[in-house]
């Protein structure tokens, strides 16, 4: 009877070890859940970025004002006959 109990105890230990540390075990499941949550956060950031880009594309398609504003701010372009004036503020002045 002791041999049977020993074998059953050994099998129980092996099964518990496989459950916690084996392939597809609890440890691996927890790691996969963490990776899943990280990916969800990345996806959310990317979706927000995509929404901003979609709004910008819609603005650019709707009117020339957005194109003109972007050309002025990002490329420093001016219209013919305009004079460009750049104001530089000195933060060190008391």
PDB file of N, CA and C in Angstrom:
ATOM      1  N   UNK A   1       0.815  -1.192   0.000  1.00  0.00           N
ATOM      2  CA  UNK A   1       0.000   0.000   0.000  1.00  0.00           C
ATOM      3  C   UNK A   1       0.865   1.266   0.000  1.00  0.00           C
ATOM      4  N   UNK A   2       2.011   1.199   0.682  1.00  0.00           N
ATOM      5  CA  UNK A   2       2.898   2.359   0.730  1.00  0.00           C
ATOM      6  C   UNK A   2       3.458   2.675  -0.649  1.00  0.00           C
ATOM      7  N   UNK A   3       3.682   1.653  -1.441  1.00  0.00           N
ATOM      8  CA  UNK A   3       4.215   1.860  -2.788  1.00  0.00           C
ATOM      9  C   UNK A   3       3.183   2.590  -3.647  1.00  0.00           C
ATOM     10  N   UNK A   4       1.921   2.174  -3.537  1.00  0.00           N
ATOM     11  CA  UNK A   4       0.848   2.805  -4.309  1.00  0.00           C
ATOM     12  C   UNK A   4       0.700   4.268  -3.899  1.00  0.00           C
ATOM     13  N   UNK A   5       0.732   4.515  -2.583  1.00  0.00           N
ATOM     14  CA  UNK A   5       0.632   5.893  -2.094  1.00  0.00           C
ATOM     15  C   UNK A   5       1.826   6.726  -2.570  1.00  0.00           C
ATOM     16  N   UNK A   6       2.988   6.135  -2.582  1.00  0.00           N
ATOM     17  CA  UNK A   6       4.184   6.839  -3.054  1.00  0.00           C
ATOM     18  C   UNK A   6       4.079   7.185  -4.531  1.00  0.00           C
ATOM     19  N   UNK A   7       3.591   6.238  -5.307  1.00  0.00           N
ATOM     20  CA  UNK A   7       3.427   6.482  -6.747  1.00  0.00           C
ATOM     21  C   UNK A   7       2.390   7.584  -6.986  1.00  0.00           C
ATOM     22  N   UNK A   8       1.268   7.518  -6.256  1.00  0.00           N
ATOM     23  CA  UNK A   8       0.232   8.536  -6.400  1.00  0.00           C
ATOM     24  C   UNK A   8       0.749   9.920  -5.984  1.00  0.00           C
ATOM     25  N   UNK A   9       1.504   9.958  -4.904  1.00  0.00           N
ATOM     26  CA  UNK A   9       2.091  11.230  -4.455  1.00  0.00           C
ATOM     27  C   UNK A   9       3.070  11.766  -5.503  1.00  0.00           C
ATOM     28  N   UNK A  10       3.879  10.884  -6.054  1.00  0.00           N
ATOM     29  CA  UNK A  10       4.826  11.290  -7.089  1.00  0.00           C
ATOM     30  C   UNK A  10       4.094  11.841  -8.308  1.00  0.00           C
ATOM     31  N   UNK A  11       3.027  11.147  -8.747  1.00  0.00           N
ATOM     32  CA  UNK A  11       2.246  11.616  -9.892  1.00  0.00           C
ATOM     33  C   UNK A  11       1.585  12.965  -9.599  1.00  0.00           C
ATOM     34  N   UNK A  12       1.117  13.140  -8.379  1.00  0.00           N
ATOM     35  CA  UNK A  12       0.511  14.411  -7.989  1.00  0.00           C
ATOM     36  C   UNK A  12       1.524  15.549  -8.063  1.00  0.00           C
ATOM     37  N   UNK A  13       2.726  15.293  -7.564  1.00  0.00           N
ATOM     38  CA  UNK A  13       3.785  16.304  -7.610  1.00  0.00           C
ATOM     39  C   UNK A  13       4.154  16.632  -9.052  1.00  0.00           C
ATOM     40  N   UNK A  14       4.268  15.620  -9.885  1.00  0.00           N
ATOM     41  CA  UNK A  14       4.600  15.835 -11.293  1.00  0.00           C
ATOM     42  C   UNK A  14       3.506  16.645 -11.985  1.00  0.00           C
ATOM     43  N   UNK A  15       2.257  16.315 -11.715  1.00  0.00           N
ATOM     44  CA  UNK A  15       1.144  17.040 -12.341  1.00  0.00           C
ATOM     45  C   UNK A  15       1.096  18.494 -11.871  1.00  0.00           C
ATOM     46  N   UNK A  16       1.320  18.724 -10.590  1.00  0.00           N
ATOM     47  CA  UNK A  16       1.328  20.100 -10.085  1.00  0.00           C
ATOM     48  C   UNK A  16       2.494  20.893 -10.675  1.00  0.00           C
ATOM     49  N   UNK A  17       3.647  20.260 -10.773  1.00  0.00           N
ATOM     50  CA  UNK A  17       4.796  20.939 -11.370  1.00  0.00           C
ATOM     51  C   UNK A  17       4.484  21.316 -12.820  1.00  0.00           C
ATOM     52  N   UNK A  18       3.890  20.378 -13.563  1.00  0.00           N
ATOM     53  CA  UNK A  18       3.543  20.641 -14.965  1.00  0.00           C
ATOM     54  C   UNK A  18       2.503  21.754 -15.064  1.00  0.00           C
ATOM     55  N   UNK A  19       1.587  21.793 -14.110  1.00  0.00           N
ATOM     56  CA  UNK A  19       0.556  22.840 -14.114  1.00  0.00           C
ATOM     57  C   UNK A  19       1.175  24.215 -13.912  1.00  0.00           C
ATOM     58  N   UNK A  20       2.109  24.324 -13.006  1.00  0.00           N
ATOM     59  CA  UNK A  20       2.686  25.635 -12.684  1.00  0.00           C
ATOM     60  C   UNK A  20       3.836  26.035 -13.603  1.00  0.00           C
ATOM     61  N   UNK A  21       4.685  25.104 -13.968  1.00  0.00           N
ATOM     62  CA  UNK A  21       5.907  25.463 -14.688  1.00  0.00           C
ATOM     63  C   UNK A  21       6.035  24.850 -16.074  1.00  0.00           C
ATOM     64  N   UNK A  22       5.171  23.943 -16.437  1.00  0.00           N
ATOM     65  CA  UNK A  22       5.272  23.267 -17.728  1.00  0.00           C
ATOM     66  C   UNK A  22       4.775  24.133 -18.871  1.00  0.00           C
ATOM     67  N   UNK A  23       4.818  23.583 -20.067  1.00  0.00           N
ATOM     68  CA  UNK A  23       4.355  24.286 -21.267  1.00  0.00           C
ATOM     69  C   UNK A  23       2.863  24.566 -21.119  1.00  0.00           C
ATOM     70  N   UNK A  24       2.488  25.831 -21.256  1.00  0.00           N
ATOM     71  CA  UNK A  24       1.087  26.206 -21.110  1.00  0.00           C
ATOM     72  C   UNK A  24       0.644  26.276 -19.665  1.00  0.00           C
ATOM     73  N   UNK A  25       1.590  26.282 -18.743  1.00  0.00           N
ATOM     74  CA  UNK A  25       1.252  26.313 -17.326  1.00  0.00           C
ATOM     75  C   UNK A  25       0.879  27.714 -16.847  1.00  0.00           C
ATOM     76  N   UNK A  26       0.651  27.814 -15.558  1.00  0.00           N
ATOM     77  CA  UNK A  26       0.203  29.063 -14.955  1.00  0.00           C
ATOM     78  C   UNK A  26       1.234  30.172 -15.119  1.00  0.00           C
ATOM     79  N   UNK A  27       2.509  29.844 -15.013  1.00  0.00           N
ATOM     80  CA  UNK A  27       3.565  30.857 -15.168  1.00  0.00           C
ATOM     81  C   UNK A  27       3.550  31.422 -16.583  1.00  0.00           C
ATOM     82  N   UNK A  28       3.469  30.564 -17.558  1.00  0.00           N
ATOM     83  CA  UNK A  28       3.440  31.008 -18.950  1.00  0.00           C
ATOM     84  C   UNK A  28       2.168  31.797 -19.241  1.00  0.00           C
ATOM     85  N   UNK A  29       1.057  31.376 -18.657  1.00  0.00           N
ATOM     86  CA  UNK A  29      -0.207  32.083 -18.841  1.00  0.00           C
ATOM     87  C   UNK A  29      -0.111  33.501 -18.296  1.00  0.00           C
ATOM     88  N   UNK A  30       0.493  33.657 -17.135  1.00  0.00           N
ATOM     89  CA  UNK A  30       0.640  34.984 -16.534  1.00  0.00           C
ATOM     90  C   UNK A  30       1.520  35.870 -17.416  1.00  0.00           C
ATOM     91  N   UNK A  31       2.597  35.318 -17.965  1.00  0.00           N
ATOM     92  CA  UNK A  31       3.467  36.077 -18.870  1.00  0.00           C
ATOM     93  C   UNK A  31       2.706  36.494 -20.124  1.00  0.00           C
ATOM     94  N   UNK A  32       1.906  35.599 -20.663  1.00  0.00           N
ATOM     95  CA  UNK A  32       1.125  35.907 -21.865  1.00  0.00           C
ATOM     96  C   UNK A  32       0.088  36.988 -21.576  1.00  0.00           C
ATOM     97  N   UNK A  33      -0.527  36.936 -20.393  1.00  0.00           N
ATOM     98  CA  UNK A  33      -1.500  37.963 -20.036  1.00  0.00           C
ATOM     99  C   UNK A  33      -0.837  39.331 -19.920  1.00  0.00           C
ATOM    100  N   UNK A  34       0.363  39.381 -19.368  1.00  0.00           N
ATOM    101  CA  UNK A  34       1.099  40.634 -19.253  1.00  0.00           C
ATOM    102  C   UNK A  34       1.431  41.178 -20.642  1.00  0.00           C
ATOM    103  N   UNK A  35       1.901  40.314 -21.537  1.00  0.00           N
ATOM    104  CA  UNK A  35       2.195  40.737 -22.911  1.00  0.00           C
ATOM    105  C   UNK A  35       0.933  41.225 -23.620  1.00  0.00           C
ATOM    106  N   UNK A  36      -0.175  40.560 -23.358  1.00  0.00           N
ATOM    107  CA  UNK A  36      -1.457  40.946 -23.958  1.00  0.00           C
ATOM    108  C   UNK A  36      -1.867  42.347 -23.495  1.00  0.00           C
ATOM    109  N   UNK A  37      -1.736  42.608 -22.207  1.00  0.00           N
ATOM    110  CA  UNK A  37      -2.094  43.921 -21.669  1.00  0.00           C
ATOM    111  C   UNK A  37      -1.182  45.012 -22.225  1.00  0.00           C
ATOM    112  N   UNK A  38       0.102  44.717 -22.362  1.00  0.00           N
ATOM    113  CA  UNK A  38       1.025  45.692 -22.947  1.00  0.00           C
ATOM    114  C   UNK A  38       0.656  45.989 -24.400  1.00  0.00           C
ATOM    115  N   UNK A  39       0.292  44.959 -25.136  1.00  0.00           N
ATOM    116  CA  UNK A  39      -0.095  45.146 -26.530  1.00  0.00           C
ATOM    117  C   UNK A  39      -1.377  45.957 -26.638  1.00  0.00           C
ATOM    118  N   UNK A  40      -2.319  45.745 -25.713  1.00  0.00           N
ATOM    119  CA  UNK A  40      -3.552  46.537 -25.715  1.00  0.00           C
ATOM    120  C   UNK A  40      -3.241  48.018 -25.513  1.00  0.00           C
ATOM    121  N   UNK A  41      -2.304  48.326 -24.607  1.00  0.00           N
ATOM    122  CA  UNK A  41      -1.919  49.723 -24.374  1.00  0.00           C
ATOM    123  C   UNK A  41      -1.282  50.329 -25.621  1.00  0.00           C
ATOM    124  N   UNK A  42      -0.408  49.555 -26.281  1.00  0.00           N
ATOM    125  CA  UNK A  42       0.217  50.045 -27.516  1.00  0.00           C
ATOM    126  C   UNK A  42      -0.839  50.292 -28.585  1.00  0.00           C
ATOM    127  N   UNK A  43      -1.785  49.362 -28.700  1.00  0.00           N
ATOM    128  CA  UNK A  43      -2.837  49.501 -29.702  1.00  0.00           C
ATOM    129  C   UNK A  43      -3.685  50.745 -29.440  1.00  0.00           C
ATOM    130  N   UNK A  44      -3.963  51.016 -28.171  1.00  0.00           N
ATOM    131  CA  UNK A  44      -4.775  52.182 -27.823  1.00  0.00           C
ATOM    132  C   UNK A  44      -4.047  53.466 -28.230  1.00  0.00           C
ATOM    133  N   UNK A  45      -2.737  53.538 -27.956  1.00  0.00           N
ATOM    134  CA  UNK A  45      -1.959  54.716 -28.356  1.00  0.00           C
ATOM    135  C   UNK A  45      -1.949  54.877 -29.867  1.00  0.00           C
ATOM    136  N   UNK A  46      -1.779  53.759 -30.567  1.00  0.00           N
ATOM    137  CA  UNK A  46      -1.758  53.814 -32.028  1.00  0.00           C
ATOM    138  C   UNK A  46      -3.120  54.206 -32.601  1.00  0.00           C
ATOM    139  N   UNK A  47      -4.189  53.750 -31.973  1.00  0.00           N
ATOM    140  CA  UNK A  47      -5.527  54.132 -32.430  1.00  0.00           C
ATOM    141  C   UNK A  47      -5.749  55.629 -32.238  1.00  0.00           C
ATOM    142  N   UNK A  48      -5.284  56.174 -31.116  1.00  0.00           N
ATOM    143  CA  UNK A  48      -5.405  57.610 -30.881  1.00  0.00           C
ATOM    144  C   UNK A  48      -4.612  58.385 -31.927  1.00  0.00           C
ATOM    145  N   UNK A  49      -3.407  57.918 -32.222  1.00  0.00           N
ATOM    146  CA  UNK A  49      -2.589  58.570 -33.247  1.00  0.00           C
ATOM    147  C   UNK A  49      -3.272  58.513 -34.612  1.00  0.00           C
ATOM    148  N   UNK A  50      -3.863  57.358 -34.927  1.00  0.00           N
ATOM    149  CA  UNK A  50      -4.567  57.209 -36.198  1.00  0.00           C
ATOM    150  C   UNK A  50      -5.761  58.158 -36.297  1.00  0.00           C
ATOM    151  N   UNK A  51      -6.472  58.329 -35.189  1.00  0.00           N
ATOM    152  CA  UNK A  51      -7.618  59.242 -35.186  1.00  0.00           C
ATOM    153  C   UNK A  51      -7.160  60.678 -35.444  1.00  0.00           C
ATOM    154  N   UNK A  52      -6.045  61.071 -34.840  1.00  0.00           N
ATOM    155  CA  UNK A  52      -5.512  62.414 -35.077  1.00  0.00           C
ATOM    156  C   UNK A  52      -5.123  62.579 -36.544  1.00  0.00           C
ATOM    157  N   UNK A  53      -4.476  61.557 -37.094  1.00  0.00           N
ATOM    158  CA  UNK A  53      -4.076  61.620 -38.499  1.00  0.00           C
ATOM    159  C   UNK A  53      -5.284  61.661 -39.429  1.00  0.00           C
ATOM    160  N   UNK A  54      -6.326  60.904 -39.091  1.00  0.00           N
ATOM    161  CA  UNK A  54      -7.545  60.934 -39.903  1.00  0.00           C
ATOM    162  C   UNK A  54      -8.169  62.320 -39.887  1.00  0.00           C
ATOM    163  N   UNK A  55      -8.190  62.951 -38.707  1.00  0.00           N
ATOM    164  CA  UNK A  55      -8.742  64.298 -38.599  1.00  0.00           C
ATOM    165  C   UNK A  55      -7.907  65.288 -39.402  1.00  0.00           C
ATOM    166  N   UNK A  56      -6.608  65.135 -39.363  1.00  0.00           N
ATOM    167  CA  UNK A  56      -5.730  66.023 -40.123  1.00  0.00           C
ATOM    168  C   UNK A  56      -5.929  65.838 -41.626  1.00  0.00           C
ATOM    169  N   UNK A  57      -6.063  64.603 -42.062  1.00  0.00           N
ATOM    170  CA  UNK A  57      -6.305  64.335 -43.483  1.00  0.00           C
ATOM    171  C   UNK A  57      -7.630  64.955 -43.904  1.00  0.00           C
ATOM    172  N   UNK A  58      -8.649  64.816 -43.066  1.00  0.00           N
ATOM    173  CA  UNK A  58      -9.955  65.406 -43.392  1.00  0.00           C
ATOM    174  C   UNK A  58      -9.846  66.917 -43.497  1.00  0.00           C
ATOM    175  N   UNK A  59      -9.094  67.550 -42.583  1.00  0.00           N
ATOM    176  CA  UNK A  59      -8.894  68.997 -42.640  1.00  0.00           C
ATOM    177  C   UNK A  59      -8.181  69.402 -43.921  1.00  0.00           C
ATOM    178  N   UNK A  60      -7.173  68.627 -44.287  1.00  0.00           N
ATOM    179  CA  UNK A  60      -6.420  68.956 -45.494  1.00  0.00           C
ATOM    180  C   UNK A  60      -7.264  68.781 -46.746  1.00  0.00           C
ATOM    181  N   UNK A  61      -8.170  67.826 -46.742  1.00  0.00           N
ATOM    182  CA  UNK A  61      -9.029  67.606 -47.898  1.00  0.00           C
ATOM    183  C   UNK A  61     -10.104  68.684 -48.013  1.00  0.00           C
ATOM    184  N   UNK A  62     -10.534  69.240 -46.878  1.00  0.00           N
ATOM    185  CA  UNK A  62     -11.659  70.174 -46.885  1.00  0.00           C
ATOM    186  C   UNK A  62     -11.286  71.574 -47.358  1.00  0.00           C
ATOM    187  N   UNK A  63     -10.133  72.038 -47.002  1.00  0.00           N
ATOM    188  CA  UNK A  63      -9.878  73.415 -47.380  1.00  0.00           C
ATOM    189  C   UNK A  63      -8.410  73.741 -47.485  1.00  0.00           C
ATOM    190  N   UNK A  64      -8.162  74.851 -48.145  1.00  0.00           N
ATOM    191  CA  UNK A  64      -6.799  75.291 -48.335  1.00  0.00           C
ATOM    192  C   UNK A  64      -6.256  76.010 -47.095  1.00  0.00           C
ATOM    193  N   UNK A  65      -7.139  76.413 -46.180  1.00  0.00           N
ATOM    194  CA  UNK A  65      -6.668  77.104 -44.981  1.00  0.00           C
ATOM    195  C   UNK A  65      -5.716  76.225 -44.174  1.00  0.00           C
ATOM    196  N   UNK A  66      -6.054  74.967 -44.048  1.00  0.00           N
ATOM    197  CA  UNK A  66      -5.199  74.052 -43.292  1.00  0.00           C
ATOM    198  C   UNK A  66      -3.873  73.846 -44.003  1.00  0.00           C
ATOM    199  N   UNK A  67      -3.919  73.761 -45.331  1.00  0.00           N
ATOM    200  CA  UNK A  67      -2.681  73.598 -46.099  1.00  0.00           C
ATOM    201  C   UNK A  67      -1.815  74.836 -45.941  1.00  0.00           C
ATOM    202  N   UNK A  68      -2.451  76.008 -46.039  1.00  0.00           N
ATOM    203  CA  UNK A  68      -1.706  77.257 -45.893  1.00  0.00           C
ATOM    204  C   UNK A  68      -1.102  77.383 -44.500  1.00  0.00           C
ATOM    205  N   UNK A  69      -1.879  77.056 -43.480  1.00  0.00           N
ATOM    206  CA  UNK A  69      -1.376  77.131 -42.108  1.00  0.00           C
ATOM    207  C   UNK A  69      -0.193  76.195 -41.899  1.00  0.00           C
ATOM    208  N   UNK A  70      -0.307  75.008 -42.424  1.00  0.00           N
ATOM    209  CA  UNK A  70       0.778  74.037 -42.278  1.00  0.00           C
ATOM    210  C   UNK A  70       2.033  74.491 -43.037  1.00  0.00           C
ATOM    211  N   UNK A  71       1.852  75.033 -44.222  1.00  0.00           N
ATOM    212  CA  UNK A  71       2.991  75.521 -45.002  1.00  0.00           C
ATOM    213  C   UNK A  71       3.683  76.672 -44.278  1.00  0.00           C
ATOM    214  N   UNK A  72       2.901  77.538 -43.657  1.00  0.00           N
ATOM    215  CA  UNK A  72       3.482  78.668 -42.932  1.00  0.00           C
ATOM    216  C   UNK A  72       4.224  78.204 -41.685  1.00  0.00           C
ATOM    217  N   UNK A  73       3.599  77.337 -40.901  1.00  0.00           N
ATOM    218  CA  UNK A  73       4.198  76.951 -39.617  1.00  0.00           C
ATOM    219  C   UNK A  73       5.348  75.964 -39.764  1.00  0.00           C
ATOM    220  N   UNK A  74       5.219  74.999 -40.652  1.00  0.00           N
ATOM    221  CA  UNK A  74       6.236  73.950 -40.742  1.00  0.00           C
ATOM    222  C   UNK A  74       7.328  74.258 -41.754  1.00  0.00           C
ATOM    223  N   UNK A  75       6.997  75.020 -42.792  1.00  0.00           N
ATOM    224  CA  UNK A  75       7.972  75.263 -43.846  1.00  0.00           C
ATOM    225  C   UNK A  75       8.425  76.719 -43.919  1.00  0.00           C
ATOM    226  N   UNK A  76       7.813  77.575 -43.104  1.00  0.00           N
ATOM    227  CA  UNK A  76       8.197  78.978 -43.087  1.00  0.00           C
ATOM    228  C   UNK A  76       7.856  79.716 -44.369  1.00  0.00           C
ATOM    229  N   UNK A  77       6.839  79.287 -45.076  1.00  0.00           N
ATOM    230  CA  UNK A  77       6.478  79.915 -46.348  1.00  0.00           C
ATOM    231  C   UNK A  77       5.661  81.179 -46.102  1.00  0.00           C
ATOM    232  N   UNK A  78       5.774  82.137 -47.030  1.00  0.00           N
ATOM    233  CA  UNK A  78       4.994  83.370 -46.971  1.00  0.00           C
ATOM    234  C   UNK A  78       4.395  83.629 -48.348  1.00  0.00           C
ATOM    235  N   UNK A  79       3.355  84.467 -48.361  1.00  0.00           N
ATOM    236  CA  UNK A  79       2.708  84.817 -49.631  1.00  0.00           C
ATOM    237  C   UNK A  79       3.512  85.917 -50.317  1.00  0.00           C
ATOM    238  N   UNK A  80       3.374  86.019 -51.616  1.00  0.00           N
ATOM    239  CA  UNK A  80       4.044  87.115 -52.330  1.00  0.00           C
ATOM    240  C   UNK A  80       3.556  88.463 -51.784  1.00  0.00           C
ATOM    241  N   UNK A  81       4.498  89.378 -51.556  1.00  0.00           N
ATOM    242  CA  UNK A  81       4.161  90.698 -51.054  1.00  0.00           C
ATOM    243  C   UNK A  81       4.161  90.784 -49.537  1.00  0.00           C
ATOM    244  N   UNK A  82       4.240  89.671 -48.841  1.00  0.00           N
ATOM    245  CA  UNK A  82       4.292  89.687 -47.379  1.00  0.00           C
ATOM    246  C   UNK A  82       5.732  89.872 -46.920  1.00  0.00           C
ATOM    247  N   UNK A  83       5.880  90.403 -45.721  1.00  0.00           N
ATOM    248  CA  UNK A  83       7.198  90.568 -45.114  1.00  0.00           C
ATOM    249  C   UNK A  83       7.265  89.658 -43.905  1.00  0.00           C
ATOM    250  N   UNK A  84       8.304  88.867 -43.831  1.00  0.00           N
ATOM    251  CA  UNK A  84       8.486  87.938 -42.712  1.00  0.00           C
ATOM    252  C   UNK A  84       9.195  88.663 -41.574  1.00  0.00           C
ATOM    253  N   UNK A  85       8.603  88.631 -40.392  1.00  0.00           N
ATOM    254  CA  UNK A  85       9.203  89.234 -39.199  1.00  0.00           C
ATOM    255  C   UNK A  85       9.263  88.152 -38.137  1.00  0.00           C
ATOM    256  N   UNK A  86      10.447  87.947 -37.584  1.00  0.00           N
ATOM    257  CA  UNK A  86      10.632  86.941 -36.543  1.00  0.00           C
ATOM    258  C   UNK A  86      10.947  87.647 -35.234  1.00  0.00           C
ATOM    259  N   UNK A  87      10.185  87.360 -34.211  1.00  0.00           N
ATOM    260  CA  UNK A  87      10.384  87.953 -32.890  1.00  0.00           C
ATOM    261  C   UNK A  87      11.055  86.914 -32.015  1.00  0.00           C
ATOM    262  N   UNK A  88      12.200  87.283 -31.461  1.00  0.00           N
ATOM    263  CA  UNK A  88      12.930  86.391 -30.568  1.00  0.00           C
ATOM    264  C   UNK A  88      12.867  86.993 -29.169  1.00  0.00           C
ATOM    265  N   UNK A  89      12.283  86.246 -28.243  1.00  0.00           N
ATOM    266  CA  UNK A  89      12.175  86.720 -26.869  1.00  0.00           C
ATOM    267  C   UNK A  89      13.358  86.235 -26.071  1.00  0.00           C
ATOM    268  N   UNK A  90      13.905  87.130 -25.270  1.00  0.00           N
ATOM    269  CA  UNK A  90      15.040  86.807 -24.418  1.00  0.00           C
ATOM    270  C   UNK A  90      14.527  86.481 -23.019  1.00  0.00           C
ATOM    271  N   UNK A  91      14.678  85.258 -22.580  1.00  0.00           N
ATOM    272  CA  UNK A  91      14.186  84.831 -21.269  1.00  0.00           C
ATOM    273  C   UNK A  91      15.061  85.342 -20.124  1.00  0.00           C
ATOM    274  N   UNK A  92      16.265  85.811 -20.420  1.00  0.00           N
ATOM    275  CA  UNK A  92      17.198  86.245 -19.380  1.00  0.00           C
ATOM    276  C   UNK A  92      17.007  87.695 -18.975  1.00  0.00           C
ATOM    277  N   UNK A  93      16.154  88.447 -19.641  1.00  0.00           N
ATOM    278  CA  UNK A  93      15.916  89.860 -19.318  1.00  0.00           C
ATOM    279  C   UNK A  93      15.105  89.928 -18.033  1.00  0.00           C
ATOM    280  N   UNK A  94      15.586  90.767 -17.080  1.00  0.00           N
ATOM    281  CA  UNK A  94      14.869  90.916 -15.791  1.00  0.00           C
ATOM    282  C   UNK A  94      13.791  91.932 -15.893  1.00  0.00           C
TER     283      UNK A  94
END
